[in-house]
Amino acid sequence: MRRLLLSVILVSALLSLGGCVMVPHHEHWNGSFFAFPFFAFPFGLFGLALYLLPTIVVVARGKKDVLGVVLVNVLLGWTFIGWIVALVWAFTIKD
């Protein structure tokens, strides 16, 4: 179960961070194209951690019903309502 959870988090991280550093060839950021990924990377990590906060909470608390929270977080978290549902669910799961 933990292996599946870590795989989902890793794939989400790779997809999210890949999108943060991609800039079309013809667009330069103030004439310094190579500086853009280094400035965007920390914001991408913060955004990813914020997006996966319900997943992080449920794993850190060591709850048994991890898969449901992870699926709601990853698949419906972009709707904000889904993210709120996953966060509340992560905090209210009982052992």
C-alpha atoms as a PDB file:
ATOM      1  CA  MET A   1       0.000   0.000   0.000  1.00  0.00           C
ATOM      2  CA  ARG A   2       2.792   2.417   0.885  1.00  0.00           C
ATOM      3  CA  ARG A   3       4.596   1.520  -2.337  1.00  0.00           C
ATOM      4  CA  LEU A   4       1.487   2.484  -4.342  1.00  0.00           C
ATOM      5  CA  LEU A   5       1.149   5.726  -2.419  1.00  0.00           C
ATOM      6  CA  LEU A   6       4.780   6.641  -2.964  1.00  0.00           C
ATOM      7  CA  SER A   7       4.439   5.840  -6.662  1.00  0.00           C
ATOM      8  CA  VAL A   8       1.426   8.147  -6.995  1.00  0.00           C
ATOM      9  CA  ILE A   9       3.237  10.953  -5.185  1.00  0.00           C
ATOM     10  CA  LEU A  10       6.371  10.494  -7.293  1.00  0.00           C
ATOM     11  CA  VAL A  11       4.465  10.511 -10.592  1.00  0.00           C
ATOM     12  CA  SER A  12       2.497  13.604  -9.502  1.00  0.00           C
ATOM     13  CA  ALA A  13       5.714  15.352  -8.496  1.00  0.00           C
ATOM     14  CA  LEU A  14       7.424  14.582 -11.781  1.00  0.00           C
ATOM     15  CA  LEU A  15       4.453  15.759 -13.827  1.00  0.00           C
ATOM     16  CA  SER A  16       4.038  18.943 -11.793  1.00  0.00           C
ATOM     17  CA  LEU A  17       7.692  19.917 -11.746  1.00  0.00           C
ATOM     18  CA  GLY A  18       8.096  19.165 -15.435  1.00  0.00           C
ATOM     19  CA  GLY A  19       5.405  21.722 -16.194  1.00  0.00           C
ATOM     20  CA  CYS A  20       7.058  24.365 -14.024  1.00  0.00           C
ATOM     21  CA  VAL A  21      10.281  24.522 -15.976  1.00  0.00           C
ATOM     22  CA  MET A  22       9.020  24.206 -19.538  1.00  0.00           C
ATOM     23  CA  VAL A  23       9.181  27.453 -21.541  1.00  0.00           C
ATOM     24  CA  PRO A  24       8.861  27.664 -25.332  1.00  0.00           C
ATOM     25  CA  HIS A  25      12.104  28.212 -27.217  1.00  0.00           C
ATOM     26  CA  HIS A  26      11.100  31.584 -28.609  1.00  0.00           C
ATOM     27  CA  GLU A  27      10.213  33.083 -25.208  1.00  0.00           C
ATOM     28  CA  HIS A  28      12.988  34.331 -22.973  1.00  0.00           C
ATOM     29  CA  TRP A  29      12.572  35.491 -19.416  1.00  0.00           C
ATOM     30  CA  ASN A  30      14.208  38.945 -19.322  1.00  0.00           C
ATOM     31  CA  GLY A  31      16.928  37.724 -21.648  1.00  0.00           C
ATOM     32  CA  SER A  32      18.012  35.007 -19.227  1.00  0.00           C
ATOM     33  CA  PHE A  33      16.389  31.772 -20.335  1.00  0.00           C
ATOM     34  CA  PHE A  34      18.526  29.505 -18.146  1.00  0.00           C
ATOM     35  CA  ALA A  35      17.685  31.318 -14.894  1.00  0.00           C
ATOM     36  CA  PHE A  36      13.937  30.605 -15.175  1.00  0.00           C
ATOM     37  CA  PRO A  37      13.946  26.973 -13.934  1.00  0.00           C
ATOM     38  CA  PHE A  38      16.055  27.817 -10.908  1.00  0.00           C
ATOM     39  CA  PHE A  39      13.610  30.503  -9.761  1.00  0.00           C
ATOM     40  CA  ALA A  40      10.477  28.488 -10.579  1.00  0.00           C
ATOM     41  CA  PHE A  41      11.616  25.234  -8.946  1.00  0.00           C
ATOM     42  CA  PRO A  42      11.030  26.243  -5.273  1.00  0.00           C
ATOM     43  CA  PHE A  43       7.573  27.590  -6.114  1.00  0.00           C
ATOM     44  CA  GLY A  44       6.756  24.330  -7.890  1.00  0.00           C
ATOM     45  CA  LEU A  45       7.798  22.339  -4.824  1.00  0.00           C
ATOM     46  CA  PHE A  46       5.722  24.546  -2.541  1.00  0.00           C
ATOM     47  CA  GLY A  47       2.713  24.255  -4.839  1.00  0.00           C
ATOM     48  CA  LEU A  48       3.081  20.490  -5.020  1.00  0.00           C
ATOM     49  CA  ALA A  49       3.357  20.191  -1.240  1.00  0.00           C
ATOM     50  CA  LEU A  50       0.273  22.373  -0.819  1.00  0.00           C
ATOM     51  CA  TYR A  51      -1.682  20.352  -3.386  1.00  0.00           C
ATOM     52  CA  LEU A  52      -0.718  17.052  -1.745  1.00  0.00           C
ATOM     53  CA  LEU A  53      -1.261  18.322   1.807  1.00  0.00           C
ATOM     54  CA  PRO A  54      -4.195  15.941   2.500  1.00  0.00           C
ATOM     55  CA  THR A  55      -2.071  13.008   1.339  1.00  0.00           C
ATOM     56  CA  ILE A  56       0.859  14.137   3.471  1.00  0.00           C
ATOM     57  CA  VAL A  57      -1.398  14.519   6.519  1.00  0.00           C
ATOM     58  CA  VAL A  58      -2.988  11.071   6.197  1.00  0.00           C
ATOM     59  CA  VAL A  59       0.380   9.352   5.672  1.00  0.00           C
ATOM     60  CA  ALA A  60       2.001  11.256   8.553  1.00  0.00           C
ATOM     61  CA  ARG A  61      -0.837  10.277  10.896  1.00  0.00           C
ATOM     62  CA  GLY A  62      -0.431   6.606   9.898  1.00  0.00           C
ATOM     63  CA  LYS A  63      -4.096   5.996   9.108  1.00  0.00           C
ATOM     64  CA  LYS A  64      -5.417   2.847   7.464  1.00  0.00           C
ATOM     65  CA  ASP A  65      -7.758   4.410   4.881  1.00  0.00           C
ATOM     66  CA  VAL A  66      -5.002   6.084   2.883  1.00  0.00           C
ATOM     67  CA  LEU A  67      -6.031   5.091  -0.629  1.00  0.00           C
ATOM     68  CA  GLY A  68      -9.384   6.906  -0.552  1.00  0.00           C
ATOM     69  CA  VAL A  69      -7.850  10.191   0.543  1.00  0.00           C
ATOM     70  CA  VAL A  70      -5.040   9.878  -1.997  1.00  0.00           C
ATOM     71  CA  LEU A  71      -7.444   9.184  -4.853  1.00  0.00           C
ATOM     72  CA  VAL A  72      -9.722  12.091  -3.958  1.00  0.00           C
ATOM     73  CA  ASN A  73      -6.703  14.365  -3.514  1.00  0.00           C
ATOM     74  CA  VAL A  74      -4.996  13.436  -6.774  1.00  0.00           C
ATOM     75  CA  LEU A  75      -8.080  13.084  -8.978  1.00  0.00           C
ATOM     76  CA  LEU A  76     -10.386  15.776  -7.566  1.00  0.00           C
ATOM     77  CA  GLY A  77      -8.000  18.087  -5.713  1.00  0.00           C
ATOM     78  CA  TRP A  78      -7.803  20.479  -8.653  1.00  0.00           C
ATOM     79  CA  THR A  79     -11.460  21.440  -8.065  1.00  0.00           C
ATOM     80  CA  PHE A  80     -10.644  22.923  -4.626  1.00  0.00           C
ATOM     81  CA  ILE A  81     -13.856  21.385  -3.287  1.00  0.00           C
ATOM     82  CA  GLY A  82     -12.257  17.977  -3.792  1.00  0.00           C
ATOM     83  CA  TRP A  83      -9.133  19.250  -2.053  1.00  0.00           C
ATOM     84  CA  ILE A  84     -11.174  20.481   0.929  1.00  0.00           C
ATOM     85  CA  VAL A  85     -13.036  17.137   1.096  1.00  0.00           C
ATOM     86  CA  ALA A  86      -9.730  15.233   1.054  1.00  0.00           C
ATOM     87  CA  LEU A  87      -8.246  17.493   3.741  1.00  0.00           C
ATOM     88  CA  VAL A  88     -11.250  17.148   6.046  1.00  0.00           C
ATOM     89  CA  TRP A  89     -11.302  13.404   5.412  1.00  0.00           C
ATOM     90  CA  ALA A  90      -7.579  13.161   6.239  1.00  0.00           C
ATOM     91  CA  PHE A  91      -8.119  14.859   9.592  1.00  0.00           C
ATOM     92  CA  THR A  92     -11.300  12.982  10.554  1.00  0.00           C
ATOM     93  CA  ILE A  93     -10.266   9.386   9.792  1.00  0.00           C
ATOM     94  CA  LYS A  94     -10.320   7.282  12.946  1.00  0.00           C
ATOM     95  CA  ASP A  95      -8.137   4.237  13.569  1.00  0.00           C
END
